[in-house]
């Protein structure tokens, strides 16, 4: 029977030896990691540099990547919504996908259609009539019949509607759910409250901001009122949680920026309010030039202004804190101006100008299609352009 031999040799390792071995292993791993990371970082930096270079270049031409033509001959208006495009006219509302294909059709008789759009819902009303239709991406959510002619409407993401209804002595502001049930009715009189010139609902439908115009002697004044329909406003008279008056300005536009800010725009200034429950004035900025148009997103407040010292126009951009971040001349005035991401899109007929938030005129020229709606498409320097009968994807090139 064999036996295992016992060896008399032993490997003795001192603490210093173990430390040296660990250091060698660590250095080996670091060298191996460096060989992987350095090329990867260089590739990422090169890709980012190329992206920024292409994004911030100026381009001279717009070429067609794809086009989707539909057999449409009537006069329609268009608006971007969700993952598609709304087409609306006197005969009703159609929802199109991004290949210009009809997803659903809602027939209607609308003499003077107007539209308001939020992220998850939109409404089409008959201005001067008595009908409001509320939609989601799936189609018609509800219809509202008003007792007085519709003058202005606002919508929340849930489809709540607030409407200014025309009445010579005391215009009414009534809020409805999407199916037409009255939720709240604000009491207004021209002699005391003023005439409602603008209104807007917050995304969650909790806050209603209204700008009223009135005169005191020979002075025009604006009164801005915030109504809260949640718990905060329940114990307040008429649900009013905040109000302020401004002399010598016509505040004809109001909008919300995200969940905690609202902006009121007058003919010579704009005011930023902050607060989810009881908005209070955070900042007031005077505009010393004639305002031609206003545009905004959740991050930016923008104006097209008439140049004071020379002919032409300029675009001015502020962040949501009211800090000016851009002011530069533009080649012309455009009927359509909008903020899409970090770009200002301006278009009128086939003329188009695209300015980045950093002030670079990315494109100024002819896009060879009569644009009724325009917004960015996936990919670098690509855009959807909607005309009367065609959805086209264009891309910018040298």
Protein backbone atom coordinates (compact mmCIF):
# COMPACT_ATOMS: atom_id res chain seq x y z
CA UNK A 1 0.00 0.00 0.00
CA UNK A 2 1.52 3.23 -1.12
CA UNK A 3 1.76 6.26 1.08
CA UNK A 4 1.88 9.92 0.18
CA UNK A 5 5.20 11.49 0.78
CA UNK A 6 5.28 14.46 3.07
CA UNK A 7 7.16 17.37 1.66
CA UNK A 8 9.35 19.43 3.91
CA UNK A 9 9.23 22.49 1.70
CA UNK A 10 7.08 25.50 2.74
CA UNK A 11 6.37 28.79 0.99
CA UNK A 12 6.81 31.59 3.42
CA UNK A 13 5.24 34.93 2.50
CA UNK A 14 5.88 37.99 4.57
CA UNK A 15 3.37 40.87 4.82
CA UNK A 16 5.69 42.96 2.64
CA UNK A 17 5.62 40.30 -0.05
CA UNK A 18 1.80 40.20 -0.01
CA UNK A 19 1.62 43.96 -0.31
CA UNK A 20 3.97 43.92 -3.28
CA UNK A 21 1.91 41.22 -5.00
CA UNK A 22 -1.30 43.23 -4.48
CA UNK A 23 0.34 46.34 -5.89
CA UNK A 24 1.51 44.44 -8.96
CA UNK A 25 -1.98 43.04 -9.53
CA UNK A 26 -3.49 46.53 -9.11
CA UNK A 27 -1.01 48.04 -11.56
CA UNK A 28 -1.73 45.30 -14.06
CA UNK A 29 -5.47 45.89 -13.82
CA UNK A 30 -5.02 49.65 -14.18
CA UNK A 31 -2.87 49.20 -17.30
CA UNK A 32 -5.49 46.87 -18.77
CA UNK A 33 -8.33 49.28 -17.91
CA UNK A 34 -6.38 52.22 -19.35
CA UNK A 35 -5.93 50.38 -22.64
CA UNK A 36 -9.72 49.98 -22.86
CA UNK A 37 -10.82 53.36 -21.50
CA UNK A 38 -8.48 55.67 -23.41
CA UNK A 39 -9.63 54.58 -26.90
CA UNK A 40 -13.28 54.55 -25.73
CA UNK A 41 -13.02 58.10 -24.33
CA UNK A 42 -11.32 59.30 -27.51
CA UNK A 43 -14.10 57.77 -29.63
CA UNK A 44 -16.79 59.39 -27.46
CA UNK A 45 -15.05 62.77 -27.59
CA UNK A 46 -14.69 62.51 -31.36
CA UNK A 47 -18.37 61.57 -31.73
CA UNK A 48 -19.47 64.45 -29.47
CA UNK A 49 -17.22 66.88 -31.30
CA UNK A 50 -18.59 65.78 -34.66
CA UNK A 51 -22.16 66.05 -33.38
CA UNK A 52 -21.62 69.56 -32.00
CA UNK A 53 -19.84 70.61 -35.18
CA UNK A 54 -22.71 69.44 -37.36
CA UNK A 55 -25.34 70.82 -34.99
CA UNK A 56 -23.78 74.27 -34.75
CA UNK A 57 -22.85 74.71 -38.40
CA UNK A 58 -24.74 76.94 -40.77
CA UNK A 59 -26.45 75.34 -43.75
CA UNK A 60 -27.40 76.78 -47.12
CA UNK A 61 -29.87 74.25 -48.53
CA UNK A 62 -32.82 72.12 -47.48
CA UNK A 63 -33.22 68.85 -49.35
CA UNK A 64 -36.03 66.32 -49.28
CA UNK A 65 -35.44 63.02 -47.52
CA UNK A 66 -38.99 61.64 -47.82
CA UNK A 67 -42.41 62.88 -48.85
CA UNK A 68 -45.89 61.57 -48.13
CA UNK A 69 -48.59 63.03 -50.37
CA UNK A 70 -52.33 62.86 -49.66
CA UNK A 71 -55.23 63.70 -51.97
CA UNK A 72 -56.41 66.81 -50.12
CA UNK A 73 -57.79 69.90 -51.81
CA UNK A 74 -59.59 71.76 -49.01
CA UNK A 75 -58.13 74.50 -46.85
CA UNK A 76 -56.91 73.09 -43.54
CA UNK A 77 -54.81 74.07 -40.57
CA UNK A 78 -52.33 71.79 -38.82
CA UNK A 79 -50.92 71.34 -35.34
CA UNK A 80 -48.45 68.90 -33.86
CA UNK A 81 -49.84 66.59 -31.18
CA UNK A 82 -48.52 63.43 -29.53
CA UNK A 83 -46.90 61.18 -32.08
CA UNK A 84 -48.77 62.66 -35.02
CA UNK A 85 -50.35 65.74 -36.59
CA UNK A 86 -53.84 67.25 -36.29
CA UNK A 87 -55.57 68.45 -39.43
CA UNK A 88 -58.66 70.56 -38.76
CA UNK A 89 -61.04 72.65 -40.85
CA UNK A 90 -64.74 73.50 -41.13
CA UNK A 91 -65.61 69.87 -41.86
CA UNK A 92 -64.03 68.38 -38.77
CA UNK A 93 -60.82 66.98 -37.29
CA UNK A 94 -58.43 64.34 -38.62
CA UNK A 95 -55.48 62.78 -36.83
CA UNK A 96 -52.52 61.84 -39.05
CA UNK A 97 -49.48 59.71 -38.37
CA UNK A 98 -46.01 60.75 -39.49
CA UNK A 99 -46.56 59.19 -42.90
CA UNK A 100 -49.54 61.49 -43.55
CA UNK A 101 -51.96 58.57 -43.10
CA UNK A 102 -55.34 59.16 -41.46
CA UNK A 103 -55.64 57.42 -38.09
CA UNK A 104 -59.14 58.62 -37.27
CA UNK A 105 -61.66 61.17 -38.55
CA UNK A 106 -64.18 63.21 -36.55
CA UNK A 107 -66.72 64.94 -38.83
CA UNK A 108 -68.18 68.23 -37.62
CA UNK A 109 -69.58 71.53 -38.81
CA UNK A 110 -67.32 74.30 -37.49
CA UNK A 111 -67.63 77.79 -38.87
CA UNK A 112 -64.48 79.24 -37.30
CA UNK A 113 -62.29 76.47 -35.84
CA UNK A 114 -59.67 77.30 -33.20
CA UNK A 115 -57.40 74.82 -31.43
CA UNK A 116 -55.62 74.56 -28.08
CA UNK A 117 -53.10 71.78 -27.45
CA UNK A 118 -51.57 70.25 -24.34
CA UNK A 119 -49.31 67.20 -24.12
CA UNK A 120 -52.06 64.59 -23.65
CA UNK A 121 -55.23 66.34 -24.88
CA UNK A 122 -56.41 68.99 -27.31
CA UNK A 123 -59.63 70.80 -28.07
CA UNK A 124 -61.16 72.32 -31.18
CA UNK A 125 -63.81 74.99 -30.67
CA UNK A 126 -66.09 76.98 -32.92
CA UNK A 127 -65.06 80.55 -32.16
CA UNK A 128 -68.28 82.56 -31.95
CA UNK A 129 -70.29 79.34 -31.87
CA UNK A 130 -71.33 76.98 -29.07
CA UNK A 131 -69.41 73.76 -29.63
CA UNK A 132 -66.15 72.44 -28.15
CA UNK A 133 -64.74 68.99 -28.96
CA UNK A 134 -62.14 67.42 -26.66
CA UNK A 135 -59.71 64.83 -28.03
CA UNK A 136 -56.91 62.51 -26.99
CA UNK A 137 -54.59 60.58 -29.29
CA UNK A 138 -57.26 57.85 -29.47
CA UNK A 139 -59.97 60.19 -30.73
CA UNK A 140 -62.96 62.13 -29.44
CA UNK A 141 -63.18 62.19 -25.64
CA UNK A 142 -66.25 64.42 -25.26
CA UNK A 143 -68.27 67.33 -26.59
CA UNK A 144 -69.34 70.50 -24.83
CA UNK A 145 -72.30 72.68 -25.76
CA UNK A 146 -72.15 76.20 -24.34
CA UNK A 147 -75.08 78.52 -23.74
CA UNK A 148 -73.21 81.62 -24.96
CA UNK A 149 -70.82 82.23 -27.87
CA UNK A 150 -67.28 81.00 -27.31
CA UNK A 151 -64.55 83.63 -27.30
CA UNK A 152 -61.48 81.89 -25.81
CA UNK A 153 -60.66 78.44 -24.48
CA UNK A 154 -57.91 76.71 -22.51
CA UNK A 155 -57.33 73.02 -21.81
CA UNK A 156 -55.53 70.87 -19.23
CA UNK A 157 -53.79 67.55 -19.82
CA UNK A 158 -56.84 65.72 -18.44
CA UNK A 159 -59.16 67.45 -20.93
CA UNK A 160 -60.65 70.00 -18.52
CA UNK A 161 -61.82 73.04 -20.47
CA UNK A 162 -62.05 76.66 -19.33
CA UNK A 163 -63.88 78.98 -21.70
CA UNK A 164 -64.60 82.69 -21.92
CA UNK A 165 -68.20 83.01 -23.10
CA UNK A 166 -69.23 86.26 -24.72
CA UNK A 167 -71.73 88.46 -22.97
CA UNK A 168 -71.76 92.22 -23.45
CA UNK A 169 -72.45 93.08 -19.81
CA UNK A 170 -70.82 90.23 -17.87
CA UNK A 171 -68.70 87.69 -19.79
CA UNK A 172 -68.60 84.30 -18.13
CA UNK A 173 -65.63 82.03 -17.45
CA UNK A 174 -66.87 78.47 -17.10
CA UNK A 175 -64.80 75.33 -16.58
CA UNK A 176 -66.09 71.98 -17.84
CA UNK A 177 -64.96 68.39 -17.69
CA UNK A 178 -64.35 66.67 -21.02
CA UNK A 179 -67.94 65.44 -21.26
CA UNK A 180 -69.51 68.87 -20.76
CA UNK A 181 -70.35 68.91 -17.06
CA UNK A 182 -69.84 72.35 -15.47
CA UNK A 183 -67.17 72.27 -12.79
CA UNK A 184 -66.73 75.94 -11.84
CA UNK A 185 -68.19 79.25 -12.97
CA UNK A 186 -66.25 82.46 -12.31
CA UNK A 187 -68.28 85.61 -11.82
CA UNK A 188 -66.97 88.59 -13.80
CA UNK A 189 -68.27 92.04 -14.59
CA UNK A 190 -66.61 94.45 -17.00
CA UNK A 191 -67.11 97.38 -14.63
CA UNK A 192 -65.38 95.78 -11.61
CA UNK A 193 -63.30 92.78 -12.62
CA UNK A 194 -62.48 93.85 -16.17
CA UNK A 195 -62.75 92.01 -19.46
CA UNK A 196 -60.94 88.62 -19.71
CA UNK A 197 -58.30 89.13 -22.39
CA UNK A 198 -56.41 85.85 -21.90
CA UNK A 199 -56.65 82.65 -19.89
CA UNK A 200 -54.68 79.44 -19.43
CA UNK A 201 -54.99 76.23 -17.42
CA UNK A 202 -52.08 74.48 -15.75
CA UNK A 203 -51.26 70.98 -16.97
CA UNK A 204 -52.99 69.32 -14.01
CA UNK A 205 -56.03 71.60 -14.32
CA UNK A 206 -55.66 72.88 -10.77
CA UNK A 207 -54.73 76.48 -11.59
CA UNK A 208 -56.51 78.87 -13.92
CA UNK A 209 -54.70 82.09 -14.81
CA UNK A 210 -56.76 84.96 -16.23
CA UNK A 211 -55.66 88.39 -17.42
CA UNK A 212 -58.37 91.06 -17.23
CA UNK A 213 -58.24 94.46 -18.93
CA UNK A 214 -59.96 97.53 -17.53
CA UNK A 215 -59.64 101.31 -17.56
CA UNK A 216 -59.33 103.68 -14.66
CA UNK A 217 -59.81 107.19 -15.88
CA UNK A 218 -57.69 107.39 -19.04
CA UNK A 219 -55.26 104.69 -17.88
CA UNK A 220 -55.38 101.13 -19.19
CA UNK A 221 -54.69 98.55 -16.49
CA UNK A 222 -54.33 94.80 -16.39
CA UNK A 223 -55.40 92.58 -13.53
CA UNK A 224 -53.89 89.08 -13.29
CA UNK A 225 -55.84 86.56 -11.22
CA UNK A 226 -54.97 82.97 -10.31
CA UNK A 227 -57.78 80.61 -9.36
CA UNK A 228 -57.01 77.34 -7.54
CA UNK A 229 -59.56 74.55 -7.89
CA UNK A 230 -57.75 72.24 -5.44
CA UNK A 231 -57.78 72.16 -1.65
CA UNK A 232 -55.77 75.40 -1.40
CA UNK A 233 -58.47 77.39 -3.17
CA UNK A 234 -61.48 75.85 -1.45
CA UNK A 235 -61.44 78.28 1.46
CA UNK A 236 -60.76 81.35 -0.69
CA UNK A 237 -63.45 83.68 -2.09
CA UNK A 238 -64.15 82.61 -5.69
CA UNK A 239 -61.10 80.28 -5.44
CA UNK A 240 -58.76 83.28 -5.90
CA UNK A 241 -55.32 82.55 -4.42
CA UNK A 242 -53.32 85.36 -6.01
CA UNK A 243 -53.93 88.61 -7.89
CA UNK A 244 -51.99 91.67 -9.00
CA UNK A 245 -52.59 94.85 -10.98
CA UNK A 246 -50.34 96.48 -13.58
CA UNK A 247 -50.70 99.98 -14.95
CA UNK A 248 -50.20 101.11 -18.53
CA UNK A 249 -49.88 97.65 -20.05
CA UNK A 250 -52.14 95.34 -22.03
CA UNK A 251 -51.51 91.83 -20.75
CA UNK A 252 -52.95 89.82 -23.63
CA UNK A 253 -51.16 86.49 -23.19
CA UNK A 254 -50.60 84.08 -20.31
CA UNK A 255 -49.03 80.61 -20.24
CA UNK A 256 -47.58 78.06 -17.83
CA UNK A 257 -44.00 76.79 -17.92
CA UNK A 258 -43.86 73.35 -16.33
CA UNK A 259 -45.50 72.80 -12.96
CA UNK A 260 -44.24 75.76 -10.96
CA UNK A 261 -44.12 78.83 -13.22
CA UNK A 262 -46.55 81.01 -15.12
CA UNK A 263 -45.80 83.93 -17.41
CA UNK A 264 -47.97 86.94 -18.21
CA UNK A 265 -46.99 88.93 -21.30
CA UNK A 266 -47.97 92.55 -21.79
CA UNK A 267 -47.26 94.88 -24.67
CA UNK A 268 -44.19 96.30 -22.90
CA UNK A 269 -43.16 93.73 -20.29
CA UNK A 270 -43.54 90.20 -19.04
CA UNK A 271 -43.98 88.90 -15.50
CA UNK A 272 -42.86 85.51 -14.18
CA UNK A 273 -44.89 83.95 -11.37
CA UNK A 274 -43.65 81.05 -9.26
CA UNK A 275 -45.63 78.58 -7.16
CA UNK A 276 -47.75 75.47 -7.66
CA UNK A 277 -50.55 76.47 -5.29
CA UNK A 278 -50.45 80.25 -4.82
CA UNK A 279 -48.33 81.78 -7.60
CA UNK A 280 -46.50 84.95 -6.62
CA UNK A 281 -44.54 87.39 -8.77
CA UNK A 282 -40.91 86.32 -9.03
CA UNK A 283 -39.60 88.73 -11.66
CA UNK A 284 -40.81 91.52 -13.95
CA UNK A 285 -38.85 92.35 -17.11
CA UNK A 286 -39.46 95.44 -19.21
CA UNK A 287 -39.34 95.09 -23.01
CA UNK A 288 -38.22 98.38 -24.55
CA UNK A 289 -39.06 97.44 -28.15
CA UNK A 290 -42.28 96.66 -30.00
CA UNK A 291 -43.25 93.01 -29.56
CA UNK A 292 -44.20 91.32 -32.84
CA UNK A 293 -44.77 87.79 -31.56
CA UNK A 294 -44.26 85.60 -28.49
CA UNK A 295 -43.20 81.96 -28.29
CA UNK A 296 -42.25 79.67 -25.43
CA UNK A 297 -41.53 76.19 -24.12
CA UNK A 298 -41.11 74.83 -20.61
CA UNK A 299 -37.52 76.13 -20.66
CA UNK A 300 -37.57 79.30 -22.75
CA UNK A 301 -39.52 82.54 -23.23
CA UNK A 302 -38.96 84.17 -26.62
CA UNK A 303 -39.91 87.33 -28.48
CA UNK A 304 -39.62 88.63 -32.01
CA UNK A 305 -39.04 92.38 -31.67
CA UNK A 306 -39.01 95.31 -34.04
CA UNK A 307 -35.51 96.78 -34.09
CA UNK A 308 -35.49 100.14 -32.38
CA UNK A 309 -32.28 101.63 -33.79
CA UNK A 310 -32.32 100.13 -37.27
CA UNK A 311 -34.69 98.51 -39.71
CA UNK A 312 -35.56 94.87 -39.42
CA UNK A 313 -36.30 92.47 -36.58
CA UNK A 314 -34.52 90.64 -33.82
CA UNK A 315 -35.17 87.57 -31.73
CA UNK A 316 -34.70 87.68 -27.97
CA UNK A 317 -34.66 84.65 -25.70
CA UNK A 318 -34.91 84.31 -21.91
CA UNK A 319 -34.59 81.25 -19.68
CA UNK A 320 -37.30 80.29 -17.21
CA UNK A 321 -35.67 82.48 -14.52
CA UNK A 322 -36.07 85.57 -16.71
CA UNK A 323 -32.37 85.83 -17.61
CA UNK A 324 -31.68 87.00 -21.15
CA UNK A 325 -29.59 84.43 -23.02
CA UNK A 326 -29.95 85.54 -26.65
CA UNK A 327 -30.50 88.72 -28.63
CA UNK A 328 -29.70 88.82 -32.33
CA UNK A 329 -31.02 90.20 -35.62
CA UNK A 330 -33.00 87.97 -37.96
CA UNK A 331 -33.39 88.43 -41.72
CA UNK A 332 -37.17 88.97 -41.81
CA UNK A 333 -40.45 88.70 -39.94
CA UNK A 334 -42.17 85.30 -40.07
CA UNK A 335 -45.83 84.53 -39.45
CA UNK A 336 -45.02 81.31 -37.58
CA UNK A 337 -42.49 81.20 -34.73
CA UNK A 338 -42.08 78.35 -32.27
CA UNK A 339 -39.57 76.84 -29.86
CA UNK A 340 -38.69 73.19 -30.48
CA UNK A 341 -36.12 71.88 -28.03
CA UNK A 342 -33.15 74.26 -28.18
CA UNK A 343 -34.04 75.68 -31.60
CA UNK A 344 -36.27 78.54 -32.73
CA UNK A 345 -38.18 77.62 -35.89
CA UNK A 346 -39.50 80.55 -37.95
CA UNK A 347 -41.34 80.01 -41.22
CA UNK A 348 -43.66 81.81 -43.60
CA UNK A 349 -44.63 80.20 -46.90
CA UNK A 350 -41.45 78.59 -48.24
CA UNK A 351 -39.14 80.93 -46.30
CA UNK A 352 -37.58 79.51 -43.16
CA UNK A 353 -35.06 80.56 -40.53
CA UNK A 354 -33.72 78.30 -37.78
CA UNK A 355 -31.81 79.84 -34.86
CA UNK A 356 -30.24 77.86 -32.02
CA UNK A 357 -30.55 78.90 -28.39
CA UNK A 358 -26.85 79.77 -28.53
CA UNK A 359 -27.52 82.36 -31.26
CA UNK A 360 -26.33 80.54 -34.38
CA UNK A 361 -28.47 81.06 -37.49
CA UNK A 362 -28.44 77.45 -38.53
CA UNK A 363 -30.45 77.97 -41.70
CA UNK A 364 -32.02 80.87 -43.53
CA UNK A 365 -33.51 80.30 -46.94
CA UNK A 366 -36.06 78.52 -49.10
CA UNK A 367 -37.28 75.06 -48.01
CA UNK A 368 -39.21 74.63 -51.29
CA UNK A 369 -42.50 73.72 -49.62
CA UNK A 370 -45.28 75.94 -48.29
CA UNK A 371 -45.03 75.19 -44.58
CA UNK A 372 -48.22 75.19 -42.49
CA UNK A 373 -46.61 73.27 -39.62
CA UNK A 374 -42.98 72.41 -38.91
CA UNK A 375 -41.12 70.55 -36.17
CA UNK A 376 -37.96 68.54 -35.64
CA UNK A 377 -37.68 64.96 -36.89
CA UNK A 378 -35.47 62.15 -35.53
CA UNK A 379 -31.89 62.47 -36.67
CA UNK A 380 -29.51 65.37 -37.02
CA UNK A 381 -30.75 68.48 -38.84
CA UNK A 382 -33.97 66.82 -40.03
CA UNK A 383 -37.46 68.34 -39.87
CA UNK A 384 -41.08 67.48 -40.60
CA UNK A 385 -42.82 70.06 -42.80
CA UNK A 386 -46.57 69.89 -43.39
CA UNK A 387 -48.15 71.62 -46.38
CA UNK A 388 -51.75 71.53 -47.62
CA UNK A 389 -51.49 68.02 -49.07
CA UNK A 390 -48.01 66.77 -48.23
CA UNK A 391 -45.90 65.78 -45.25
CA UNK A 392 -42.24 66.09 -46.11
CA UNK A 393 -39.07 65.26 -44.20
CA UNK A 394 -36.30 67.67 -45.07
CA UNK A 395 -32.68 67.78 -44.03
CA UNK A 396 -30.19 70.63 -44.01
CA UNK A 397 -27.02 70.48 -46.07
CA UNK A 398 -24.20 72.73 -47.20
